[in-house]
N, C-alpha and C. Protein backbone atom coordinates (compact mmCIF):
# COMPACT_ATOMS: atom_id res chain seq x y z
N UNK A 1 -18.31 2.78 -14.29
CA UNK A 1 -18.97 1.62 -14.86
C UNK A 1 -20.46 1.92 -14.95
N UNK A 2 -21.04 1.66 -16.09
CA UNK A 2 -22.46 1.92 -16.26
C UNK A 2 -23.29 0.77 -15.67
N UNK A 3 -24.57 1.00 -15.40
CA UNK A 3 -25.41 -0.04 -14.77
C UNK A 3 -25.46 -1.35 -15.58
N UNK A 4 -25.45 -1.23 -16.90
CA UNK A 4 -25.50 -2.43 -17.73
C UNK A 4 -24.23 -3.29 -17.55
N UNK A 5 -23.07 -2.63 -17.51
CA UNK A 5 -21.81 -3.35 -17.29
C UNK A 5 -21.80 -4.00 -15.91
N UNK A 6 -22.31 -3.27 -14.92
CA UNK A 6 -22.34 -3.80 -13.56
C UNK A 6 -23.24 -5.03 -13.49
N UNK A 7 -24.39 -4.96 -14.13
CA UNK A 7 -25.30 -6.11 -14.15
C UNK A 7 -24.65 -7.30 -14.84
N UNK A 8 -23.94 -7.04 -15.94
CA UNK A 8 -23.24 -8.11 -16.65
C UNK A 8 -22.17 -8.74 -15.77
N UNK A 9 -21.46 -7.90 -15.03
CA UNK A 9 -20.43 -8.40 -14.13
C UNK A 9 -21.03 -9.28 -13.05
N UNK A 10 -22.12 -8.82 -12.45
CA UNK A 10 -22.78 -9.61 -11.40
C UNK A 10 -23.28 -10.95 -11.94
N UNK A 11 -23.86 -10.94 -13.13
CA UNK A 11 -24.38 -12.19 -13.68
C UNK A 11 -23.24 -13.15 -14.02
N UNK A 12 -22.06 -12.63 -14.33
CA UNK A 12 -20.90 -13.49 -14.58
C UNK A 12 -20.40 -14.11 -13.28
N UNK A 13 -20.47 -13.34 -12.20
CA UNK A 13 -19.98 -13.84 -10.92
C UNK A 13 -20.86 -14.95 -10.37
N UNK A 14 -22.18 -14.80 -10.52
CA UNK A 14 -23.11 -15.84 -10.05
C UNK A 14 -24.48 -15.55 -10.64
N UNK A 15 -25.20 -16.60 -11.09
CA UNK A 15 -26.53 -16.37 -11.66
C UNK A 15 -27.52 -15.80 -10.66
N UNK A 16 -27.36 -16.15 -9.39
CA UNK A 16 -28.25 -15.63 -8.35
C UNK A 16 -27.73 -14.26 -7.90
N UNK A 17 -28.55 -13.23 -8.04
CA UNK A 17 -28.12 -11.85 -7.81
C UNK A 17 -27.56 -11.62 -6.41
N UNK A 18 -28.22 -12.14 -5.39
CA UNK A 18 -27.74 -11.90 -4.03
C UNK A 18 -26.38 -12.56 -3.81
N UNK A 19 -26.25 -13.76 -4.29
CA UNK A 19 -24.96 -14.46 -4.16
C UNK A 19 -23.88 -13.73 -4.96
N UNK A 20 -24.24 -13.20 -6.12
CA UNK A 20 -23.30 -12.45 -6.95
C UNK A 20 -22.80 -11.20 -6.20
N UNK A 21 -23.71 -10.55 -5.49
CA UNK A 21 -23.33 -9.38 -4.70
C UNK A 21 -22.34 -9.74 -3.61
N UNK A 22 -22.55 -10.88 -2.98
CA UNK A 22 -21.62 -11.34 -1.94
C UNK A 22 -20.25 -11.66 -2.53
N UNK A 23 -20.25 -12.32 -3.68
CA UNK A 23 -18.97 -12.64 -4.35
C UNK A 23 -18.25 -11.35 -4.73
N UNK A 24 -19.00 -10.39 -5.27
CA UNK A 24 -18.43 -9.10 -5.64
C UNK A 24 -17.76 -8.43 -4.44
N UNK A 25 -18.48 -8.36 -3.33
CA UNK A 25 -17.94 -7.72 -2.12
C UNK A 25 -16.70 -8.45 -1.60
N UNK A 26 -16.74 -9.77 -1.67
CA UNK A 26 -15.60 -10.57 -1.21
C UNK A 26 -14.37 -10.31 -2.08
N UNK A 27 -14.58 -10.26 -3.39
CA UNK A 27 -13.47 -10.00 -4.31
C UNK A 27 -12.92 -8.58 -4.10
N UNK A 28 -13.81 -7.61 -3.97
CA UNK A 28 -13.37 -6.23 -3.78
C UNK A 28 -12.57 -6.09 -2.48
N UNK A 29 -13.07 -6.69 -1.40
CA UNK A 29 -12.35 -6.63 -0.12
C UNK A 29 -10.97 -7.28 -0.24
N UNK A 30 -10.90 -8.38 -0.96
CA UNK A 30 -9.63 -9.06 -1.16
C UNK A 30 -8.66 -8.19 -1.97
N UNK A 31 -9.16 -7.52 -2.98
CA UNK A 31 -8.32 -6.62 -3.77
C UNK A 31 -7.79 -5.46 -2.93
N UNK A 32 -8.67 -4.87 -2.13
CA UNK A 32 -8.26 -3.76 -1.27
C UNK A 32 -7.18 -4.23 -0.30
N UNK A 33 -7.38 -5.39 0.32
CA UNK A 33 -6.36 -5.92 1.25
C UNK A 33 -5.03 -6.13 0.54
N UNK A 34 -5.09 -6.66 -0.67
CA UNK A 34 -3.86 -6.91 -1.42
C UNK A 34 -3.11 -5.64 -1.75
N UNK A 35 -3.84 -4.63 -2.24
CA UNK A 35 -3.18 -3.36 -2.56
C UNK A 35 -2.65 -2.69 -1.29
N UNK A 36 -3.40 -2.78 -0.21
CA UNK A 36 -2.96 -2.19 1.06
C UNK A 36 -1.70 -2.90 1.56
N UNK A 37 -1.65 -4.22 1.43
CA UNK A 37 -0.48 -4.97 1.89
C UNK A 37 0.77 -4.62 1.09
N UNK A 38 0.58 -4.17 -0.13
CA UNK A 38 1.72 -3.77 -0.95
C UNK A 38 2.07 -2.30 -0.78
N UNK A 39 1.43 -1.64 0.18
CA UNK A 39 1.79 -0.26 0.51
C UNK A 39 1.23 0.79 -0.43
N UNK A 40 0.18 0.45 -1.15
CA UNK A 40 -0.42 1.43 -2.07
C UNK A 40 -1.15 2.51 -1.27
N UNK A 41 -1.01 3.73 -1.72
CA UNK A 41 -1.62 4.87 -1.01
C UNK A 41 -3.13 4.90 -1.17
N UNK A 42 -3.65 4.38 -2.27
CA UNK A 42 -5.09 4.43 -2.54
C UNK A 42 -5.61 3.04 -2.90
N UNK A 43 -5.63 2.12 -1.96
CA UNK A 43 -6.02 0.74 -2.29
C UNK A 43 -7.46 0.61 -2.78
N UNK A 44 -8.38 1.41 -2.25
CA UNK A 44 -9.78 1.33 -2.69
C UNK A 44 -9.92 1.76 -4.14
N UNK A 45 -9.22 2.84 -4.51
CA UNK A 45 -9.27 3.31 -5.90
C UNK A 45 -8.68 2.28 -6.86
N UNK A 46 -7.59 1.64 -6.45
CA UNK A 46 -6.97 0.63 -7.30
C UNK A 46 -7.87 -0.60 -7.44
N UNK A 47 -8.56 -0.97 -6.36
CA UNK A 47 -9.51 -2.09 -6.44
C UNK A 47 -10.65 -1.74 -7.38
N UNK A 48 -11.16 -0.52 -7.30
CA UNK A 48 -12.24 -0.10 -8.19
C UNK A 48 -11.76 -0.07 -9.65
N UNK A 49 -10.55 0.40 -9.87
CA UNK A 49 -9.99 0.41 -11.23
C UNK A 49 -9.89 -1.02 -11.78
N UNK A 50 -9.48 -1.95 -10.94
CA UNK A 50 -9.40 -3.36 -11.34
C UNK A 50 -10.77 -3.88 -11.75
N UNK A 51 -11.76 -3.61 -10.93
CA UNK A 51 -13.13 -4.07 -11.22
C UNK A 51 -13.64 -3.44 -12.50
N UNK A 52 -13.39 -2.16 -12.69
CA UNK A 52 -13.84 -1.48 -13.91
C UNK A 52 -13.18 -2.07 -15.16
N UNK A 53 -11.89 -2.39 -15.05
CA UNK A 53 -11.20 -2.98 -16.21
C UNK A 53 -11.78 -4.34 -16.56
N UNK A 54 -12.02 -5.15 -15.51
CA UNK A 54 -12.60 -6.47 -15.76
C UNK A 54 -13.97 -6.32 -16.40
N UNK A 55 -14.78 -5.43 -15.87
CA UNK A 55 -16.13 -5.21 -16.40
C UNK A 55 -16.09 -4.74 -17.85
N UNK A 56 -15.13 -3.88 -18.19
CA UNK A 56 -15.06 -3.37 -19.55
C UNK A 56 -14.62 -4.45 -20.55
N UNK A 57 -13.82 -5.40 -20.10
CA UNK A 57 -13.33 -6.47 -20.99
C UNK A 57 -14.21 -7.72 -20.94
N UNK A 58 -15.14 -7.76 -20.04
CA UNK A 58 -15.97 -8.95 -19.83
C UNK A 58 -16.63 -9.47 -21.11
N UNK A 59 -17.21 -8.63 -21.94
CA UNK A 59 -17.85 -9.16 -23.15
C UNK A 59 -16.87 -9.93 -24.06
N UNK A 60 -15.58 -9.58 -24.02
CA UNK A 60 -14.58 -10.22 -24.86
C UNK A 60 -14.23 -11.63 -24.40
N UNK A 61 -14.26 -11.89 -23.11
CA UNK A 61 -13.78 -13.19 -22.61
C UNK A 61 -14.83 -13.98 -21.83
N UNK A 62 -15.96 -13.41 -21.57
CA UNK A 62 -16.97 -14.00 -20.71
C UNK A 62 -17.26 -15.48 -21.00
N UNK A 63 -17.48 -15.81 -22.26
CA UNK A 63 -17.89 -17.17 -22.61
C UNK A 63 -16.70 -18.11 -22.73
N UNK A 64 -15.52 -17.58 -22.89
CA UNK A 64 -14.34 -18.42 -23.04
C UNK A 64 -13.65 -18.71 -21.70
N UNK A 65 -13.88 -17.86 -20.70
CA UNK A 65 -13.17 -18.01 -19.43
C UNK A 65 -13.75 -19.16 -18.62
N UNK A 66 -12.85 -20.00 -18.12
CA UNK A 66 -13.25 -21.12 -17.27
C UNK A 66 -12.46 -21.00 -15.98
N UNK A 67 -13.15 -21.10 -14.86
CA UNK A 67 -12.46 -21.05 -13.57
C UNK A 67 -13.08 -20.00 -12.65
N UNK A 68 -12.42 -19.83 -11.54
CA UNK A 68 -12.88 -18.90 -10.52
C UNK A 68 -12.67 -17.46 -10.99
N UNK A 69 -13.73 -16.66 -11.05
CA UNK A 69 -13.58 -15.27 -11.49
C UNK A 69 -12.60 -14.47 -10.62
N UNK A 70 -12.49 -14.81 -9.35
CA UNK A 70 -11.59 -14.08 -8.45
C UNK A 70 -10.15 -14.14 -8.96
N UNK A 71 -9.77 -15.25 -9.54
CA UNK A 71 -8.40 -15.39 -10.07
C UNK A 71 -8.17 -14.40 -11.21
N UNK A 72 -9.18 -14.19 -12.02
CA UNK A 72 -9.05 -13.23 -13.13
C UNK A 72 -8.88 -11.82 -12.57
N UNK A 73 -9.69 -11.48 -11.56
CA UNK A 73 -9.58 -10.15 -10.94
C UNK A 73 -8.18 -9.94 -10.37
N UNK A 74 -7.65 -10.95 -9.71
CA UNK A 74 -6.34 -10.81 -9.09
C UNK A 74 -5.23 -10.70 -10.13
N UNK A 75 -5.41 -11.32 -11.26
CA UNK A 75 -4.42 -11.20 -12.33
C UNK A 75 -4.44 -9.77 -12.89
N UNK A 76 -5.61 -9.23 -13.11
CA UNK A 76 -5.73 -7.85 -13.58
C UNK A 76 -5.17 -6.90 -12.52
N UNK A 77 -5.42 -7.19 -11.25
CA UNK A 77 -4.91 -6.36 -10.16
C UNK A 77 -3.39 -6.30 -10.18
N UNK A 78 -2.76 -7.40 -10.54
CA UNK A 78 -1.30 -7.43 -10.62
C UNK A 78 -0.82 -6.38 -11.63
N UNK A 79 -1.48 -6.32 -12.79
CA UNK A 79 -1.07 -5.35 -13.80
C UNK A 79 -1.41 -3.92 -13.39
N UNK A 80 -2.51 -3.74 -12.68
CA UNK A 80 -2.85 -2.42 -12.15
C UNK A 80 -1.77 -1.98 -11.16
N UNK A 81 -1.30 -2.91 -10.35
CA UNK A 81 -0.25 -2.61 -9.37
C UNK A 81 1.04 -2.19 -10.08
N UNK A 82 1.39 -2.90 -11.15
CA UNK A 82 2.59 -2.53 -11.90
C UNK A 82 2.46 -1.12 -12.49
N UNK A 83 1.29 -0.79 -12.99
CA UNK A 83 1.05 0.57 -13.48
C UNK A 83 1.20 1.59 -12.35
N UNK A 84 0.67 1.24 -11.20
CA UNK A 84 0.76 2.11 -10.03
C UNK A 84 2.23 2.38 -9.68
N UNK A 85 3.05 1.34 -9.70
CA UNK A 85 4.46 1.50 -9.38
C UNK A 85 5.16 2.41 -10.38
N UNK A 86 4.78 2.32 -11.65
CA UNK A 86 5.41 3.16 -12.66
C UNK A 86 5.05 4.63 -12.49
N UNK A 87 3.84 4.90 -12.04
CA UNK A 87 3.44 6.31 -11.95
C UNK A 87 3.66 6.90 -10.57
N UNK A 88 3.83 6.09 -9.53
CA UNK A 88 4.07 6.60 -8.18
C UNK A 88 5.57 6.56 -7.88
N UNK A 89 6.18 7.70 -7.66
CA UNK A 89 7.61 7.68 -7.32
C UNK A 89 7.83 7.01 -5.96
N UNK A 90 8.94 6.28 -5.87
CA UNK A 90 9.30 5.60 -4.61
C UNK A 90 9.43 6.61 -3.48
N UNK A 91 10.08 7.71 -3.79
CA UNK A 91 10.28 8.73 -2.77
C UNK A 91 9.74 10.05 -3.31
N UNK A 92 9.07 10.78 -2.47
CA UNK A 92 8.54 12.07 -2.87
C UNK A 92 9.68 13.08 -2.90
N UNK A 93 9.66 13.97 -3.87
CA UNK A 93 10.72 14.99 -3.89
C UNK A 93 10.53 15.94 -2.72
N UNK A 94 11.64 16.45 -2.24
CA UNK A 94 11.58 17.43 -1.15
C UNK A 94 11.00 18.73 -1.70
N UNK A 95 10.35 19.47 -0.85
CA UNK A 95 9.78 20.75 -1.30
C UNK A 95 10.88 21.67 -1.81
N UNK A 96 10.50 22.48 -2.81
CA UNK A 96 11.47 23.42 -3.36
C UNK A 96 11.82 24.48 -2.32
N UNK A 97 13.00 25.02 -2.46
CA UNK A 97 13.41 26.09 -1.56
C UNK A 97 14.20 25.60 -0.36
N UNK A 98 14.31 24.28 -0.19
CA UNK A 98 15.13 23.78 0.90
C UNK A 98 16.59 23.86 0.50
N UNK A 99 17.46 24.15 1.45
CA UNK A 99 18.88 24.24 1.10
C UNK A 99 19.42 22.87 0.69
N UNK A 100 20.41 22.89 -0.20
CA UNK A 100 21.05 21.64 -0.62
C UNK A 100 21.84 21.06 0.54
N UNK A 101 21.91 19.75 0.60
CA UNK A 101 22.66 19.09 1.68
C UNK A 101 24.14 19.04 1.33
N UNK A 102 24.94 19.42 2.27
CA UNK A 102 26.36 19.13 2.18
C UNK A 102 26.77 18.60 3.55
N UNK A 103 27.96 18.14 3.66
CA UNK A 103 28.40 17.46 4.88
C UNK A 103 28.18 18.30 6.13
N UNK A 104 28.31 19.62 6.01
CA UNK A 104 28.16 20.48 7.18
C UNK A 104 26.71 20.81 7.49
N UNK A 105 25.81 20.48 6.58
CA UNK A 105 24.43 20.93 6.72
C UNK A 105 23.44 19.80 6.96
N UNK A 106 23.87 18.70 7.58
CA UNK A 106 22.96 17.59 7.85
C UNK A 106 22.34 17.69 9.24
N UNK A 107 22.81 18.60 10.03
CA UNK A 107 22.30 18.75 11.39
C UNK A 107 20.79 18.96 11.44
N UNK A 108 20.20 19.83 10.59
CA UNK A 108 18.74 20.01 10.65
C UNK A 108 17.98 18.71 10.37
N UNK A 109 18.48 17.90 9.43
CA UNK A 109 17.80 16.64 9.12
C UNK A 109 17.80 15.71 10.34
N UNK A 110 18.94 15.61 11.00
CA UNK A 110 19.02 14.76 12.19
C UNK A 110 18.14 15.29 13.32
N UNK A 111 18.13 16.60 13.49
CA UNK A 111 17.28 17.19 14.52
C UNK A 111 15.81 16.89 14.24
N UNK A 112 15.42 17.06 12.98
CA UNK A 112 14.02 16.80 12.61
C UNK A 112 13.69 15.32 12.77
N UNK A 113 14.60 14.45 12.37
CA UNK A 113 14.37 13.01 12.52
C UNK A 113 14.18 12.66 14.00
N UNK A 114 15.05 13.15 14.86
CA UNK A 114 14.93 12.86 16.29
C UNK A 114 13.63 13.42 16.86
N UNK A 115 13.29 14.63 16.46
CA UNK A 115 12.05 15.26 16.93
C UNK A 115 10.84 14.43 16.51
N UNK A 116 10.82 14.00 15.26
CA UNK A 116 9.68 13.25 14.75
C UNK A 116 9.59 11.85 15.38
N UNK A 117 10.73 11.24 15.61
CA UNK A 117 10.71 9.92 16.27
C UNK A 117 10.20 10.05 17.70
N UNK A 118 10.56 11.12 18.37
CA UNK A 118 10.08 11.34 19.73
C UNK A 118 8.58 11.56 19.79
N UNK A 119 7.99 12.06 18.70
CA UNK A 119 6.54 12.30 18.67
C UNK A 119 5.74 11.03 18.46
N UNK A 120 6.40 9.95 18.03
CA UNK A 120 5.69 8.68 17.82
C UNK A 120 5.25 8.10 19.16
N UNK A 121 4.17 7.32 19.13
CA UNK A 121 3.81 6.62 20.36
C UNK A 121 4.86 5.53 20.61
N UNK A 122 5.03 5.08 21.85
CA UNK A 122 6.11 4.14 22.18
C UNK A 122 6.11 2.87 21.31
N UNK A 123 4.93 2.35 20.99
CA UNK A 123 4.87 1.12 20.18
C UNK A 123 5.42 1.37 18.78
N UNK A 124 4.96 2.46 18.14
CA UNK A 124 5.43 2.76 16.79
C UNK A 124 6.91 3.13 16.77
N UNK A 125 7.37 3.79 17.82
CA UNK A 125 8.78 4.15 17.91
C UNK A 125 9.62 2.87 17.96
N UNK A 126 9.23 1.95 18.82
CA UNK A 126 9.95 0.67 18.92
C UNK A 126 9.89 -0.09 17.60
N UNK A 127 8.69 -0.12 17.00
CA UNK A 127 8.53 -0.85 15.75
C UNK A 127 9.47 -0.33 14.68
N UNK A 128 9.48 0.96 14.45
CA UNK A 128 10.28 1.51 13.35
C UNK A 128 11.78 1.42 13.66
N UNK A 129 12.17 1.63 14.89
CA UNK A 129 13.59 1.55 15.23
C UNK A 129 14.11 0.12 15.13
N UNK A 130 13.31 -0.85 15.55
CA UNK A 130 13.72 -2.25 15.48
C UNK A 130 13.63 -2.80 14.06
N UNK A 131 12.63 -2.36 13.32
CA UNK A 131 12.38 -2.90 11.98
C UNK A 131 13.55 -2.67 11.05
N UNK A 132 14.23 -1.54 11.19
CA UNK A 132 15.31 -1.20 10.26
C UNK A 132 16.70 -1.51 10.81
N UNK A 133 16.79 -2.38 11.78
CA UNK A 133 18.08 -2.79 12.33
C UNK A 133 18.66 -3.94 11.52
N UNK A 134 19.98 -4.03 11.49
CA UNK A 134 20.67 -5.18 10.90
C UNK A 134 20.71 -5.15 9.39
N UNK A 135 21.38 -6.18 8.85
CA UNK A 135 21.49 -6.34 7.41
C UNK A 135 21.35 -7.81 7.05
N UNK A 136 20.82 -8.06 5.89
CA UNK A 136 20.66 -9.38 5.30
C UNK A 136 19.98 -10.36 6.25
N UNK A 137 20.64 -11.45 6.56
CA UNK A 137 20.03 -12.52 7.37
C UNK A 137 19.67 -12.03 8.77
N UNK A 138 20.51 -11.21 9.36
CA UNK A 138 20.25 -10.68 10.70
C UNK A 138 18.96 -9.87 10.69
N UNK A 139 18.77 -9.05 9.66
CA UNK A 139 17.56 -8.23 9.54
C UNK A 139 16.33 -9.12 9.46
N UNK A 140 16.41 -10.19 8.68
CA UNK A 140 15.27 -11.10 8.53
C UNK A 140 14.91 -11.72 9.87
N UNK A 141 15.90 -12.19 10.59
CA UNK A 141 15.65 -12.81 11.91
C UNK A 141 15.09 -11.81 12.91
N UNK A 142 15.64 -10.60 12.90
CA UNK A 142 15.14 -9.57 13.81
C UNK A 142 13.68 -9.23 13.51
N UNK A 143 13.34 -9.19 12.23
CA UNK A 143 11.95 -8.88 11.85
C UNK A 143 11.01 -10.01 12.26
N UNK A 144 11.45 -11.24 12.16
CA UNK A 144 10.62 -12.37 12.61
C UNK A 144 10.36 -12.27 14.11
N UNK A 145 11.40 -11.94 14.87
CA UNK A 145 11.24 -11.78 16.32
C UNK A 145 10.33 -10.61 16.65
N UNK A 146 10.48 -9.52 15.92
CA UNK A 146 9.65 -8.35 16.14
C UNK A 146 8.18 -8.67 15.84
N UNK A 147 7.94 -9.39 14.77
CA UNK A 147 6.57 -9.79 14.42
C UNK A 147 5.98 -10.66 15.53
N UNK A 148 6.77 -11.57 16.06
CA UNK A 148 6.29 -12.43 17.14
C UNK A 148 6.00 -11.60 18.39
N UNK A 149 6.86 -10.63 18.69
CA UNK A 149 6.66 -9.79 19.87
C UNK A 149 5.39 -8.96 19.76
N UNK A 150 5.08 -8.48 18.56
CA UNK A 150 3.88 -7.69 18.36
C UNK A 150 2.68 -8.55 17.98
N UNK A 151 2.89 -9.86 17.92
CA UNK A 151 1.83 -10.82 17.58
C UNK A 151 1.22 -10.50 16.20
N UNK A 152 2.10 -10.31 15.21
CA UNK A 152 1.71 -9.98 13.84
C UNK A 152 2.35 -10.95 12.86
N UNK A 153 1.72 -11.11 11.72
CA UNK A 153 2.37 -11.82 10.63
C UNK A 153 3.31 -10.85 9.93
N UNK A 154 4.33 -11.37 9.26
CA UNK A 154 5.33 -10.51 8.64
C UNK A 154 4.75 -9.49 7.65
N UNK A 155 3.80 -9.88 6.78
CA UNK A 155 3.27 -8.85 5.86
C UNK A 155 2.59 -7.69 6.59
N UNK A 156 1.90 -7.99 7.68
CA UNK A 156 1.25 -6.93 8.44
C UNK A 156 2.28 -6.07 9.16
N UNK A 157 3.34 -6.68 9.64
CA UNK A 157 4.43 -5.92 10.26
C UNK A 157 5.05 -4.98 9.23
N UNK A 158 5.28 -5.50 8.03
CA UNK A 158 5.85 -4.70 6.94
C UNK A 158 4.94 -3.52 6.62
N UNK A 159 3.64 -3.76 6.58
CA UNK A 159 2.68 -2.69 6.30
C UNK A 159 2.71 -1.63 7.40
N UNK A 160 2.72 -2.06 8.64
CA UNK A 160 2.74 -1.09 9.74
C UNK A 160 4.04 -0.27 9.73
N UNK A 161 5.17 -0.93 9.45
CA UNK A 161 6.44 -0.20 9.37
C UNK A 161 6.39 0.82 8.24
N UNK A 162 5.79 0.43 7.13
CA UNK A 162 5.66 1.35 5.98
C UNK A 162 4.83 2.57 6.37
N UNK A 163 3.73 2.34 7.07
CA UNK A 163 2.86 3.45 7.47
C UNK A 163 3.56 4.39 8.45
N UNK A 164 4.29 3.83 9.39
CA UNK A 164 5.02 4.67 10.34
C UNK A 164 6.09 5.47 9.60
N UNK A 165 6.81 4.80 8.68
CA UNK A 165 7.85 5.48 7.91
C UNK A 165 7.26 6.61 7.06
N UNK A 166 6.09 6.38 6.46
CA UNK A 166 5.43 7.41 5.67
C UNK A 166 5.08 8.61 6.53
N UNK A 167 4.58 8.36 7.73
CA UNK A 167 4.28 9.45 8.66
C UNK A 167 5.53 10.20 9.08
N UNK A 168 6.62 9.46 9.29
CA UNK A 168 7.88 10.10 9.64
C UNK A 168 8.38 11.00 8.52
N UNK A 169 8.28 10.52 7.30
CA UNK A 169 8.73 11.34 6.15
C UNK A 169 7.95 12.65 6.10
N UNK A 170 6.65 12.56 6.30
CA UNK A 170 5.82 13.77 6.27
C UNK A 170 6.22 14.72 7.39
N UNK A 171 6.41 14.18 8.58
CA UNK A 171 6.80 14.99 9.73
C UNK A 171 8.16 15.66 9.48
N UNK A 172 9.10 14.92 8.92
CA UNK A 172 10.44 15.47 8.67
C UNK A 172 10.36 16.58 7.63
N UNK A 173 9.57 16.37 6.57
CA UNK A 173 9.42 17.41 5.54
C UNK A 173 8.88 18.69 6.15
N UNK A 174 7.84 18.55 7.00
CA UNK A 174 7.26 19.74 7.64
C UNK A 174 8.28 20.42 8.54
N UNK A 175 9.01 19.63 9.29
CA UNK A 175 10.01 20.18 10.19
C UNK A 175 11.09 20.92 9.40
N UNK A 176 11.52 20.34 8.27
CA UNK A 176 12.56 20.99 7.46
C UNK A 176 12.05 22.28 6.84
N UNK A 177 10.76 22.31 6.47
CA UNK A 177 10.18 23.54 5.95
C UNK A 177 10.24 24.64 7.01
N UNK A 178 9.88 24.28 8.25
CA UNK A 178 9.89 25.25 9.35
C UNK A 178 11.33 25.70 9.63
N UNK A 179 12.25 24.75 9.56
CA UNK A 179 13.65 25.07 9.83
C UNK A 179 14.22 26.01 8.76
N UNK A 180 13.79 25.81 7.50
CA UNK A 180 14.29 26.64 6.42
C UNK A 180 13.71 28.05 6.47
N UNK A 181 12.53 28.19 7.07
CA UNK A 181 11.86 29.51 7.11
C UNK A 181 12.49 30.45 8.10
């Protein structure tokens, strides 16, 4: 974003420059929290992309838009998130050169999973093992109890479970690479 676009964005947020800076920081922090809560790997980059898109389109809608600017940012962020989902695969492909899995060859995966779970600190180990227990309604109730036990709200519990799972995936991939070598 060029300085002129940034100045235009600030003046749209609030006529008083200092107040505009505060509004900008508040909106950016809110965007980062939102992307982080949805498990995005680069929430700061996505928040910046959202701000840049709004700034680039500002001359087109500036005088016609009525309402809280934060709502406009969050609407654009929704579309940025959808783009992110389309370009980010749900699961990373396994490194090339690993042997194909067949029924007789799952032992290394289980060994690596157990090894990686043992490396977790006790809190994260309990969190991830409990988080993925049960099905349907039972799972929902167990997660509510787990959130209460850890004194967390459900979205934050979901985020922490996602982070632990991401670390486990990385650990398992590394372990499988070593096992294949």
